[in-house]
Amino acid sequence: QGQLVESGGGSVQAGGSLRLSCAASGYTARTYYMGWFRQAPGKEREGVAAIVTGTGGGNTFYADSVKGRFTISQDNADNTVYLQMNSLKPEDTAIYYCAAETSRLVRGGLPSATTGFRFRGQGTQVTVSS
């Protein structure tokens, strides 16, 4: 069974930046999508960003709330996905989860479908203070 290991969370002041990393290992099937979703206390999970990691991939998808501020990218050599978060706001405070899916077919659009991806990491806390 594979695993996703996140790193890079932490605390930052509003306007600052953080970079999250997610390393995938041990999966017998190649991932088709990878992405990030977040969950803040008392709120529903929110798909943040996704990237097509399958053959001919590279397309990226963003939630409106982070578009223009967050960038998702991949390093195929290391099977790692990154989330560069700039101009952070207090409302970005949440636990961020890396997620991966091996199927090409997913329910709903991206990045919202990341909340239902088959595999997910343990989460990393991001706290943005005003």
Protein backbone atom coordinates (compact mmCIF):
# COMPACT_ATOMS: atom_id res chain seq x y z
CA GLN A 1 0.00 0.00 0.00
CA GLY A 2 1.35 3.38 -0.95
CA GLN A 3 1.59 6.49 1.12
CA LEU A 4 1.56 10.23 0.72
CA VAL A 5 3.81 12.25 2.99
CA GLU A 6 3.23 15.97 3.30
CA SER A 7 5.63 18.57 4.63
CA GLY A 8 6.04 22.32 4.66
CA GLY A 9 3.16 23.51 6.78
CA GLY A 10 3.59 26.08 9.52
CA SER A 11 2.63 29.52 10.74
CA VAL A 12 3.01 32.73 8.77
CA GLN A 13 1.68 36.26 8.82
CA ALA A 14 -0.85 37.46 6.30
CA GLY A 15 0.82 38.24 3.01
CA GLY A 16 3.50 35.63 3.55
CA SER A 17 4.27 32.45 1.65
CA LEU A 18 4.57 28.73 2.33
CA ARG A 19 5.44 25.79 0.13
CA LEU A 20 3.86 22.40 0.77
CA SER A 21 5.38 19.19 -0.55
CA CYS A 22 3.79 15.79 -1.04
CA ALA A 23 5.90 12.75 -1.80
CA ALA A 24 4.13 9.65 -3.13
CA SER A 25 5.71 6.25 -2.71
CA GLY A 26 4.85 2.59 -2.80
CA TYR A 27 1.92 2.75 -5.19
CA THR A 28 1.70 -0.12 -7.64
CA ALA A 29 -0.43 1.91 -10.04
CA ARG A 30 0.65 5.24 -11.46
CA THR A 31 -1.32 8.21 -10.18
CA TYR A 32 -3.48 10.03 -12.70
CA TYR A 33 -4.29 13.04 -10.54
CA MET A 34 -2.71 14.55 -7.47
CA GLY A 35 -3.90 17.53 -5.56
CA TRP A 36 -4.62 19.28 -2.30
CA PHE A 37 -7.73 19.88 -0.28
CA ARG A 38 -8.10 21.66 3.03
CA GLN A 39 -10.36 21.65 6.02
CA ALA A 40 -10.75 24.48 8.48
CA PRO A 41 -12.41 24.03 11.88
CA GLY A 42 -16.17 23.91 11.53
CA LYS A 43 -16.05 24.04 7.74
CA GLU A 44 -16.45 21.51 4.98
CA ARG A 45 -13.51 20.16 3.04
CA GLU A 46 -12.54 22.36 0.12
CA GLY A 47 -10.63 21.23 -2.94
CA VAL A 48 -7.78 23.69 -3.43
CA ALA A 49 -5.72 22.59 -6.42
CA ALA A 50 -5.13 19.59 -8.64
CA ILE A 51 -2.76 18.54 -11.37
CA VAL A 52 -2.95 15.81 -13.96
CA THR A 53 0.02 13.53 -13.37
CA GLY A 54 -0.98 10.87 -15.87
CA THR A 55 0.28 10.48 -19.42
CA GLY A 56 0.15 13.74 -21.33
CA GLY A 57 -0.73 15.53 -18.12
CA GLY A 58 0.31 18.80 -16.57
CA ASN A 59 -3.06 20.54 -16.63
CA THR A 60 -3.78 22.35 -13.39
CA PHE A 61 -7.00 23.32 -11.65
CA TYR A 62 -7.60 25.82 -8.84
CA ALA A 63 -10.40 26.85 -6.55
CA ASP A 64 -11.54 30.42 -7.14
CA SER A 65 -10.52 31.27 -3.58
CA VAL A 66 -6.84 30.60 -4.31
CA LYS A 67 -6.54 31.33 -8.02
CA GLY A 68 -3.67 33.69 -8.73
CA ARG A 69 -2.11 33.06 -5.31
CA PHE A 70 -1.42 29.31 -5.22
CA THR A 71 0.52 27.25 -7.75
CA ILE A 72 0.58 23.47 -7.96
CA SER A 73 3.47 21.74 -9.70
CA GLN A 74 5.01 18.30 -9.98
CA ASP A 75 8.42 16.70 -10.12
CA ASN A 76 7.98 13.43 -11.97
CA ALA A 77 11.50 12.28 -11.14
CA ASP A 78 10.72 12.33 -7.42
CA ASN A 79 6.99 11.63 -7.75
CA THR A 80 6.41 14.75 -5.69
CA VAL A 81 3.78 17.44 -5.93
CA TYR A 82 4.21 20.95 -4.55
CA LEU A 83 1.80 23.69 -3.57
CA GLN A 84 3.34 27.14 -3.55
CA MET A 85 1.12 29.45 -1.53
CA ASN A 86 1.68 33.20 -1.83
CA SER A 87 -0.19 36.21 -0.47
CA LEU A 88 -1.63 34.06 2.27
CA LYS A 89 -4.75 35.24 4.08
CA PRO A 90 -6.11 34.33 7.52
CA GLU A 91 -8.96 32.49 5.77
CA ASP A 92 -6.37 30.11 4.29
CA THR A 93 -5.82 28.69 7.78
CA ALA A 94 -6.65 24.98 7.67
CA ILE A 95 -5.23 21.50 7.64
CA TYR A 96 -4.02 20.81 4.13
CA TYR A 97 -4.19 17.27 2.80
CA CYS A 98 -2.41 15.84 -0.19
CA ALA A 99 -4.54 13.46 -2.23
CA ALA A 100 -3.96 11.13 -5.16
CA GLU A 101 -6.13 9.18 -7.54
CA THR A 102 -5.14 6.41 -9.92
CA SER A 103 -8.36 6.42 -11.92
CA ARG A 104 -8.86 8.79 -14.81
CA LEU A 105 -12.56 9.04 -14.04
CA VAL A 106 -13.44 11.14 -10.99
CA ARG A 107 -16.73 12.45 -9.66
CA GLY A 108 -17.30 16.13 -9.99
CA GLY A 109 -14.94 18.70 -11.32
CA LEU A 110 -11.44 19.55 -10.25
CA PRO A 111 -10.19 20.56 -7.80
CA SER A 112 -13.32 19.78 -5.75
CA ALA A 113 -12.98 16.08 -6.58
CA THR A 114 -9.72 15.93 -4.57
CA THR A 115 -11.81 15.56 -1.42
CA GLY A 116 -12.90 12.15 -2.70
CA PHE A 117 -9.60 10.87 -4.08
CA ARG A 118 -8.76 7.34 -3.10
CA PHE A 119 -5.51 8.16 -1.31
CA ARG A 120 -4.68 10.96 1.08
CA GLY A 121 -1.89 11.98 3.42
CA GLN A 122 -2.02 12.70 7.12
CA GLY A 123 -2.39 16.45 6.66
CA THR A 124 -0.24 19.43 7.55
CA GLN A 125 -1.37 22.51 9.46
CA VAL A 126 -1.19 25.93 7.86
CA THR A 127 -1.90 28.90 10.12
CA VAL A 128 -2.04 32.46 8.81
CA SER A 129 -2.24 35.26 11.35
CA SER A 130 -3.49 38.76 10.64
